[in-house]
N, C-alpha and C. Protein backbone atom coordinates (compact mmCIF):
# COMPACT_ATOMS: atom_id res chain seq x y z
N MET A 1 38.65 17.04 -5.16
CA MET A 1 38.31 17.10 -6.54
C MET A 1 37.13 16.21 -6.88
N GLU A 2 37.06 15.01 -6.24
CA GLU A 2 35.95 14.10 -6.52
C GLU A 2 34.64 14.74 -6.12
N ASN A 3 34.62 15.43 -4.95
CA ASN A 3 33.29 16.11 -4.52
C ASN A 3 32.95 17.20 -5.48
N PHE A 4 33.89 17.87 -5.93
CA PHE A 4 33.62 18.94 -7.00
C PHE A 4 32.94 18.39 -8.19
N ILE A 5 33.49 17.32 -8.72
CA ILE A 5 32.96 16.66 -9.89
C ILE A 5 31.54 16.13 -9.64
N LEU A 6 31.38 15.45 -8.56
CA LEU A 6 29.96 14.93 -8.21
C LEU A 6 29.01 16.12 -8.05
N SER A 7 29.41 17.15 -7.40
CA SER A 7 28.56 18.31 -7.25
C SER A 7 28.16 18.95 -8.52
N PHE A 8 29.13 19.07 -9.42
CA PHE A 8 28.99 19.62 -10.73
C PHE A 8 28.01 18.74 -11.58
N LEU A 9 28.18 17.47 -11.50
CA LEU A 9 27.25 16.60 -12.26
C LEU A 9 25.88 16.57 -11.66
N ALA A 10 25.71 16.67 -10.38
CA ALA A 10 24.35 16.72 -9.71
C ALA A 10 23.63 17.99 -10.20
N LYS A 11 24.40 19.10 -10.41
CA LYS A 11 23.72 20.32 -10.85
C LYS A 11 23.49 20.25 -12.33
N LEU A 12 24.24 19.53 -13.06
CA LEU A 12 24.13 19.51 -14.54
C LEU A 12 23.07 18.50 -15.02
N LEU A 13 23.01 17.40 -14.29
CA LEU A 13 22.04 16.37 -14.72
C LEU A 13 20.85 16.36 -13.80
N PRO A 14 19.63 16.33 -14.40
CA PRO A 14 18.45 16.29 -13.53
C PRO A 14 18.41 14.96 -12.80
N THR A 15 17.99 15.06 -11.51
CA THR A 15 17.91 13.86 -10.71
C THR A 15 16.57 13.80 -9.98
N LYS A 16 16.15 12.64 -9.64
CA LYS A 16 14.96 12.39 -8.83
C LYS A 16 15.31 11.56 -7.64
N THR A 17 14.68 11.80 -6.53
CA THR A 17 14.89 11.01 -5.36
C THR A 17 14.02 9.75 -5.51
N ALA A 18 14.61 8.62 -5.24
CA ALA A 18 13.84 7.36 -5.33
C ALA A 18 13.62 6.90 -3.93
N TYR A 19 12.40 6.46 -3.58
CA TYR A 19 12.10 5.89 -2.34
C TYR A 19 11.61 4.44 -2.53
N ALA A 20 12.31 3.54 -1.88
CA ALA A 20 12.00 2.08 -2.11
C ALA A 20 12.59 1.27 -0.88
N HIS A 21 12.00 0.23 -0.67
CA HIS A 21 12.58 -0.76 0.28
C HIS A 21 13.77 -1.39 -0.49
N CYS A 22 14.79 -1.61 0.28
CA CYS A 22 16.02 -2.16 -0.41
C CYS A 22 15.83 -3.62 -0.75
N ASP A 23 16.59 -4.06 -1.75
CA ASP A 23 16.65 -5.42 -2.15
C ASP A 23 17.68 -6.24 -1.40
N VAL A 24 18.33 -5.64 -0.43
CA VAL A 24 19.23 -6.31 0.46
C VAL A 24 18.38 -7.08 1.44
N PRO A 25 18.68 -8.33 1.75
CA PRO A 25 17.92 -9.11 2.65
C PRO A 25 18.07 -8.67 4.01
N CYS A 26 17.52 -7.49 4.43
CA CYS A 26 17.74 -6.92 5.71
C CYS A 26 16.86 -7.54 6.78
N GLY A 27 15.79 -8.06 6.34
CA GLY A 27 14.90 -8.75 7.34
C GLY A 27 13.91 -7.78 8.03
N ILE A 28 13.87 -6.51 7.56
CA ILE A 28 13.01 -5.54 8.15
C ILE A 28 11.76 -5.42 7.27
N TYR A 29 10.77 -6.22 7.67
CA TYR A 29 9.48 -6.28 6.95
C TYR A 29 8.35 -6.21 7.98
N ASP A 30 7.34 -5.48 7.59
CA ASP A 30 6.14 -5.40 8.51
C ASP A 30 4.96 -5.05 7.72
N PRO A 31 3.84 -5.73 7.86
CA PRO A 31 2.58 -5.42 7.13
C PRO A 31 1.82 -4.26 7.70
N LYS A 32 2.32 -3.63 8.80
CA LYS A 32 1.52 -2.57 9.42
C LYS A 32 1.29 -1.38 8.55
N VAL A 33 2.20 -1.03 7.73
CA VAL A 33 2.03 0.12 6.78
C VAL A 33 0.89 -0.17 5.80
N ALA A 34 0.80 -1.45 5.30
CA ALA A 34 -0.28 -1.86 4.42
C ALA A 34 -1.64 -1.87 5.22
N GLN A 35 -1.61 -2.29 6.41
CA GLN A 35 -2.81 -2.29 7.25
C GLN A 35 -3.37 -0.80 7.40
N ILE A 36 -2.42 0.11 7.77
CA ILE A 36 -2.85 1.47 8.00
C ILE A 36 -3.40 2.08 6.63
N ALA A 37 -2.75 1.75 5.56
CA ALA A 37 -3.20 2.26 4.26
C ALA A 37 -4.52 1.68 3.91
N ALA A 38 -4.78 0.43 4.12
CA ALA A 38 -6.09 -0.16 3.86
C ALA A 38 -7.18 0.48 4.75
N ALA A 39 -6.86 0.67 6.04
CA ALA A 39 -7.81 1.34 6.95
C ALA A 39 -8.13 2.75 6.47
N THR A 40 -7.09 3.41 5.91
CA THR A 40 -7.31 4.77 5.48
C THR A 40 -8.31 4.80 4.17
N VAL A 41 -7.97 3.78 3.36
CA VAL A 41 -8.93 3.67 2.16
C VAL A 41 -10.41 3.53 2.64
N LEU A 42 -10.61 2.62 3.63
CA LEU A 42 -11.93 2.46 4.16
C LEU A 42 -12.51 3.70 4.75
N LYS A 43 -11.73 4.46 5.52
CA LYS A 43 -12.11 5.64 6.17
C LYS A 43 -12.54 6.76 5.09
N MET A 44 -11.75 6.85 4.09
CA MET A 44 -11.96 7.84 2.97
C MET A 44 -13.25 7.50 2.31
N VAL A 45 -13.48 6.20 2.02
CA VAL A 45 -14.74 5.83 1.37
C VAL A 45 -15.91 6.16 2.24
N GLN A 46 -15.85 5.89 3.44
CA GLN A 46 -16.98 6.25 4.39
C GLN A 46 -17.15 7.73 4.45
N LYS A 47 -16.09 8.50 4.49
CA LYS A 47 -16.17 10.00 4.55
C LYS A 47 -16.76 10.56 3.27
N ILE A 48 -16.41 9.97 2.10
CA ILE A 48 -16.88 10.39 0.78
C ILE A 48 -18.36 10.11 0.77
N ASN A 49 -18.80 8.94 1.25
CA ASN A 49 -20.24 8.65 1.26
C ASN A 49 -21.01 9.52 2.18
N GLU A 50 -20.41 10.06 3.18
CA GLU A 50 -21.11 11.01 4.08
C GLU A 50 -21.26 12.45 3.60
N LEU A 51 -20.57 12.81 2.50
CA LEU A 51 -20.65 14.12 1.97
C LEU A 51 -21.99 14.40 1.36
N PRO A 52 -22.44 15.64 1.45
CA PRO A 52 -23.66 15.99 0.85
C PRO A 52 -23.49 16.03 -0.68
N GLU A 53 -24.55 16.32 -1.41
CA GLU A 53 -24.58 16.31 -2.82
C GLU A 53 -23.45 17.25 -3.32
N ARG A 54 -22.84 16.87 -4.42
CA ARG A 54 -21.77 17.74 -5.04
C ARG A 54 -22.28 19.04 -5.53
N GLY A 55 -21.36 20.03 -5.58
CA GLY A 55 -21.70 21.32 -6.17
C GLY A 55 -22.34 22.30 -5.22
N LYS A 56 -22.43 21.93 -3.92
CA LYS A 56 -23.04 22.90 -3.01
C LYS A 56 -22.07 24.02 -2.73
N SER A 57 -20.77 23.69 -2.55
CA SER A 57 -19.81 24.73 -2.31
C SER A 57 -18.44 24.27 -2.80
N LYS A 58 -17.58 25.28 -3.04
CA LYS A 58 -16.23 24.93 -3.42
C LYS A 58 -15.51 24.17 -2.31
N ASN A 59 -15.77 24.56 -1.05
CA ASN A 59 -15.10 23.85 0.01
C ASN A 59 -15.50 22.41 0.13
N GLU A 60 -16.73 22.10 -0.18
CA GLU A 60 -17.21 20.65 -0.17
C GLU A 60 -16.58 19.92 -1.37
N ASP A 61 -16.54 20.60 -2.46
CA ASP A 61 -15.87 19.96 -3.68
C ASP A 61 -14.40 19.76 -3.41
N ASN A 62 -13.74 20.72 -2.72
CA ASN A 62 -12.35 20.54 -2.36
C ASN A 62 -12.14 19.34 -1.39
N ALA A 63 -13.05 19.29 -0.49
CA ALA A 63 -12.92 18.16 0.56
C ALA A 63 -13.07 16.82 -0.15
N LEU A 64 -14.04 16.77 -1.17
CA LEU A 64 -14.20 15.51 -1.92
C LEU A 64 -12.94 15.17 -2.71
N ILE A 65 -12.41 16.17 -3.37
CA ILE A 65 -11.19 15.94 -4.17
C ILE A 65 -10.02 15.48 -3.26
N ARG A 66 -9.87 16.03 -2.11
CA ARG A 66 -8.84 15.60 -1.14
C ARG A 66 -9.05 14.22 -0.63
N MET A 67 -10.30 13.92 -0.37
CA MET A 67 -10.57 12.50 0.14
C MET A 67 -10.36 11.46 -0.97
N VAL A 68 -10.75 11.77 -2.15
CA VAL A 68 -10.45 10.81 -3.30
C VAL A 68 -8.91 10.72 -3.55
N TRP A 69 -8.21 11.81 -3.46
CA TRP A 69 -6.81 11.73 -3.61
C TRP A 69 -6.07 10.90 -2.59
N THR A 70 -6.57 11.10 -1.31
CA THR A 70 -6.04 10.27 -0.23
C THR A 70 -6.41 8.82 -0.34
N LYS A 71 -7.62 8.52 -0.74
CA LYS A 71 -7.97 7.15 -1.03
C LYS A 71 -7.14 6.49 -2.13
N GLU A 72 -6.94 7.21 -3.14
CA GLU A 72 -6.10 6.73 -4.24
C GLU A 72 -4.67 6.45 -3.75
N GLU A 73 -4.14 7.45 -3.07
CA GLU A 73 -2.69 7.37 -2.54
C GLU A 73 -2.55 6.19 -1.63
N HIS A 74 -3.40 5.99 -0.75
CA HIS A 74 -3.25 4.93 0.23
C HIS A 74 -3.59 3.55 -0.39
N ALA A 75 -4.36 3.53 -1.40
CA ALA A 75 -4.63 2.22 -2.13
C ALA A 75 -3.27 1.87 -2.88
N ARG A 76 -2.61 2.87 -3.45
CA ARG A 76 -1.35 2.59 -4.07
C ARG A 76 -0.27 2.18 -3.10
N LYS A 77 -0.26 2.88 -1.94
CA LYS A 77 0.76 2.56 -0.87
C LYS A 77 0.47 1.19 -0.37
N CYS A 78 -0.78 0.81 -0.16
CA CYS A 78 -1.07 -0.55 0.31
C CYS A 78 -0.54 -1.56 -0.68
N LYS A 79 -0.83 -1.32 -1.96
CA LYS A 79 -0.40 -2.30 -2.97
C LYS A 79 1.14 -2.39 -3.04
N ASP A 80 1.80 -1.28 -2.95
CA ASP A 80 3.29 -1.25 -2.92
C ASP A 80 3.78 -2.13 -1.78
N GLU A 81 3.27 -1.90 -0.59
CA GLU A 81 3.73 -2.59 0.60
C GLU A 81 3.43 -4.08 0.52
N LEU A 82 2.24 -4.38 -0.03
CA LEU A 82 1.88 -5.81 -0.21
C LEU A 82 2.93 -6.51 -1.21
N LEU A 83 3.26 -5.81 -2.25
CA LEU A 83 4.10 -6.38 -3.28
C LEU A 83 5.52 -6.57 -2.66
N ILE A 84 5.94 -5.65 -1.82
CA ILE A 84 7.20 -5.82 -1.17
C ILE A 84 7.22 -7.15 -0.33
N LEU A 85 6.20 -7.27 0.44
CA LEU A 85 6.08 -8.50 1.30
C LEU A 85 6.08 -9.72 0.44
N TRP A 86 5.26 -9.70 -0.58
CA TRP A 86 5.01 -10.87 -1.42
C TRP A 86 6.29 -11.28 -2.13
N THR A 87 6.98 -10.29 -2.77
CA THR A 87 8.15 -10.59 -3.53
C THR A 87 9.47 -10.64 -2.82
N ASP A 88 9.56 -9.98 -1.67
CA ASP A 88 10.87 -9.92 -0.97
C ASP A 88 10.90 -10.72 0.30
N TYR A 89 9.80 -10.73 1.00
CA TYR A 89 9.78 -11.45 2.38
C TYR A 89 9.42 -12.92 2.20
N PHE A 90 8.35 -13.20 1.59
CA PHE A 90 7.86 -14.57 1.59
C PHE A 90 8.76 -15.43 0.62
N LYS A 91 8.99 -16.65 1.15
CA LYS A 91 9.97 -17.56 0.56
C LYS A 91 9.20 -18.88 0.22
N PRO A 92 9.81 -19.86 -0.58
CA PRO A 92 9.18 -21.11 -0.89
C PRO A 92 8.70 -21.85 0.30
N GLU A 93 9.44 -21.81 1.41
CA GLU A 93 8.99 -22.63 2.60
C GLU A 93 7.69 -22.01 3.16
N HIS A 94 7.41 -20.72 2.85
CA HIS A 94 6.10 -20.11 3.39
C HIS A 94 4.96 -20.70 2.49
N LEU A 95 5.27 -20.95 1.26
CA LEU A 95 4.22 -21.57 0.38
C LEU A 95 3.83 -22.94 0.83
N GLN A 96 4.78 -23.66 1.41
CA GLN A 96 4.44 -24.98 1.89
C GLN A 96 3.50 -24.82 3.09
N MET A 97 3.75 -23.85 3.96
CA MET A 97 2.92 -23.58 5.14
C MET A 97 1.54 -23.01 4.71
N PHE A 98 1.52 -22.22 3.73
CA PHE A 98 0.31 -21.48 3.27
C PHE A 98 0.18 -21.69 1.77
N PRO A 99 -0.41 -22.75 1.29
CA PRO A 99 -0.46 -23.08 -0.16
C PRO A 99 -1.25 -22.01 -0.94
N ASN A 100 -2.09 -21.29 -0.29
CA ASN A 100 -2.86 -20.24 -1.11
C ASN A 100 -2.21 -18.80 -1.02
N LEU A 101 -0.99 -18.81 -0.56
CA LEU A 101 -0.30 -17.50 -0.43
C LEU A 101 -0.33 -16.64 -1.63
N HIS A 102 0.02 -17.16 -2.76
CA HIS A 102 0.01 -16.35 -4.00
C HIS A 102 -1.39 -15.79 -4.36
N GLU A 103 -2.31 -16.63 -4.18
CA GLU A 103 -3.69 -16.21 -4.53
C GLU A 103 -4.20 -15.19 -3.51
N THR A 104 -3.83 -15.35 -2.25
CA THR A 104 -4.18 -14.33 -1.21
C THR A 104 -3.57 -13.02 -1.56
N PHE A 105 -2.32 -12.97 -1.90
CA PHE A 105 -1.68 -11.66 -2.30
C PHE A 105 -2.28 -11.14 -3.48
N TRP A 106 -2.45 -11.99 -4.52
CA TRP A 106 -2.95 -11.57 -5.87
C TRP A 106 -4.36 -10.91 -5.67
N LYS A 107 -5.21 -11.52 -4.89
CA LYS A 107 -6.55 -10.95 -4.61
C LYS A 107 -6.45 -9.64 -3.86
N ALA A 108 -5.53 -9.53 -2.87
CA ALA A 108 -5.43 -8.32 -2.14
C ALA A 108 -4.92 -7.21 -3.02
N ALA A 109 -3.96 -7.46 -3.91
CA ALA A 109 -3.45 -6.44 -4.85
C ALA A 109 -4.54 -6.01 -5.79
N LYS A 110 -5.38 -6.94 -6.26
CA LYS A 110 -6.50 -6.59 -7.09
C LYS A 110 -7.48 -5.71 -6.40
N LEU A 111 -7.66 -6.00 -5.04
CA LEU A 111 -8.55 -5.20 -4.24
C LEU A 111 -8.07 -3.72 -4.12
N CYS A 112 -6.76 -3.58 -4.04
CA CYS A 112 -6.21 -2.27 -4.03
C CYS A 112 -6.60 -1.47 -5.33
N SER A 113 -6.44 -2.13 -6.50
CA SER A 113 -6.82 -1.49 -7.75
C SER A 113 -8.31 -1.20 -7.78
N LYS A 114 -9.06 -2.15 -7.37
CA LYS A 114 -10.54 -2.01 -7.42
C LYS A 114 -10.90 -0.83 -6.52
N ASN A 115 -10.31 -0.66 -5.39
CA ASN A 115 -10.67 0.46 -4.45
C ASN A 115 -10.25 1.77 -5.07
N LYS A 116 -9.26 1.83 -5.99
CA LYS A 116 -8.93 3.04 -6.62
C LYS A 116 -10.06 3.38 -7.66
N GLN A 117 -10.63 2.38 -8.22
CA GLN A 117 -11.55 2.58 -9.30
C GLN A 117 -13.02 3.02 -8.75
N GLU A 118 -13.31 2.59 -7.51
CA GLU A 118 -14.67 2.69 -7.01
C GLU A 118 -14.69 3.37 -5.61
N VAL A 119 -15.85 3.86 -5.24
CA VAL A 119 -16.11 4.29 -3.84
C VAL A 119 -17.14 3.33 -3.35
N ASN A 120 -16.66 2.23 -2.70
CA ASN A 120 -17.52 1.18 -2.36
C ASN A 120 -17.07 0.63 -0.91
N VAL A 121 -17.93 0.80 0.03
CA VAL A 121 -17.63 0.42 1.39
C VAL A 121 -17.27 -1.12 1.42
N GLN A 122 -18.08 -1.88 0.81
CA GLN A 122 -17.86 -3.35 0.86
C GLN A 122 -16.44 -3.76 0.33
N LEU A 123 -16.10 -3.10 -0.79
CA LEU A 123 -14.69 -3.39 -1.37
C LEU A 123 -13.59 -2.93 -0.37
N ALA A 124 -13.84 -1.74 0.22
CA ALA A 124 -12.84 -1.30 1.17
C ALA A 124 -12.68 -2.12 2.41
N GLN A 125 -13.86 -2.68 2.85
CA GLN A 125 -13.83 -3.70 3.94
C GLN A 125 -13.13 -4.90 3.55
N GLU A 126 -13.32 -5.39 2.34
CA GLU A 126 -12.72 -6.59 1.89
C GLU A 126 -11.22 -6.34 1.84
N LEU A 127 -10.79 -5.19 1.45
CA LEU A 127 -9.31 -4.88 1.38
C LEU A 127 -8.73 -5.01 2.83
N VAL A 128 -9.43 -4.33 3.75
CA VAL A 128 -8.98 -4.39 5.13
C VAL A 128 -8.85 -5.83 5.58
N ARG A 129 -9.87 -6.69 5.36
CA ARG A 129 -9.84 -8.06 5.80
C ARG A 129 -8.68 -8.81 5.05
N ALA A 130 -8.47 -8.58 3.82
CA ALA A 130 -7.42 -9.27 3.05
C ALA A 130 -6.02 -8.90 3.63
N VAL A 131 -5.80 -7.65 3.86
CA VAL A 131 -4.53 -7.19 4.45
C VAL A 131 -4.30 -7.71 5.87
N ASP A 132 -5.40 -7.79 6.60
CA ASP A 132 -5.30 -8.32 7.93
C ASP A 132 -5.03 -9.84 7.87
N GLU A 133 -5.56 -10.56 6.94
CA GLU A 133 -5.20 -11.97 6.77
C GLU A 133 -3.77 -12.14 6.40
N ILE A 134 -3.22 -11.27 5.53
CA ILE A 134 -1.80 -11.38 5.18
C ILE A 134 -0.95 -11.04 6.45
N ALA A 135 -1.34 -10.03 7.25
CA ALA A 135 -0.59 -9.74 8.41
C ALA A 135 -0.58 -10.88 9.39
N GLU A 136 -1.69 -11.59 9.55
CA GLU A 136 -1.74 -12.81 10.32
C GLU A 136 -0.85 -13.91 9.82
N ILE A 137 -0.78 -14.06 8.49
CA ILE A 137 0.14 -15.11 7.93
C ILE A 137 1.49 -14.63 8.18
N PHE A 138 1.84 -13.38 8.02
CA PHE A 138 3.24 -12.85 8.25
C PHE A 138 3.57 -13.15 9.73
N LYS A 139 2.68 -12.85 10.65
CA LYS A 139 2.95 -13.06 12.04
C LYS A 139 3.25 -14.52 12.34
N LYS A 140 2.50 -15.46 11.71
CA LYS A 140 2.78 -16.84 11.93
C LYS A 140 4.06 -17.28 11.40
N THR A 141 4.50 -16.71 10.24
CA THR A 141 5.83 -17.05 9.67
C THR A 141 6.93 -16.49 10.53
N LYS A 142 6.72 -15.34 11.17
CA LYS A 142 7.74 -14.75 12.05
C LYS A 142 7.88 -15.64 13.33
N SER A 143 6.79 -16.16 13.86
CA SER A 143 6.87 -16.99 15.03
C SER A 143 7.54 -18.33 14.80
N THR A 144 7.58 -18.77 13.60
CA THR A 144 8.16 -20.05 13.23
C THR A 144 9.57 -19.86 12.72
N ALA A 145 10.00 -18.63 12.53
CA ALA A 145 11.40 -18.36 12.02
C ALA A 145 12.44 -18.71 13.00
N LYS A 146 13.60 -19.06 12.51
CA LYS A 146 14.73 -19.44 13.37
C LYS A 146 15.35 -18.26 14.05
């Protein structure tokens, strides 16, 4: 009977699947996804800059649109992953080890937004460096963990 009710409610009420890292302290954190996302942003910026003038063909326009969408999506993904690390993984004792931790994350998150707004190789390279710096900090905190 319970399954019938749940099945009926699922059909009756609109639902959306939610994807998120859990708030249970599972200890499964890794900056690699953010690093891959930042590298993808850089690659898309480079590819966009290599495209010929706009308007030559619909296929080239389509390629540009897909590259911009990919850049946007990976900048968002990078920011999401950074915020998970910042708010869920890092603890007060990490701030003692790395006093600039909050500013480092804040600047990296801002770079994610800036890379969504612009097509700028220098900004994309800064994002990659910022995320790599966070990954290095993360690695150091893991090596000192009990």
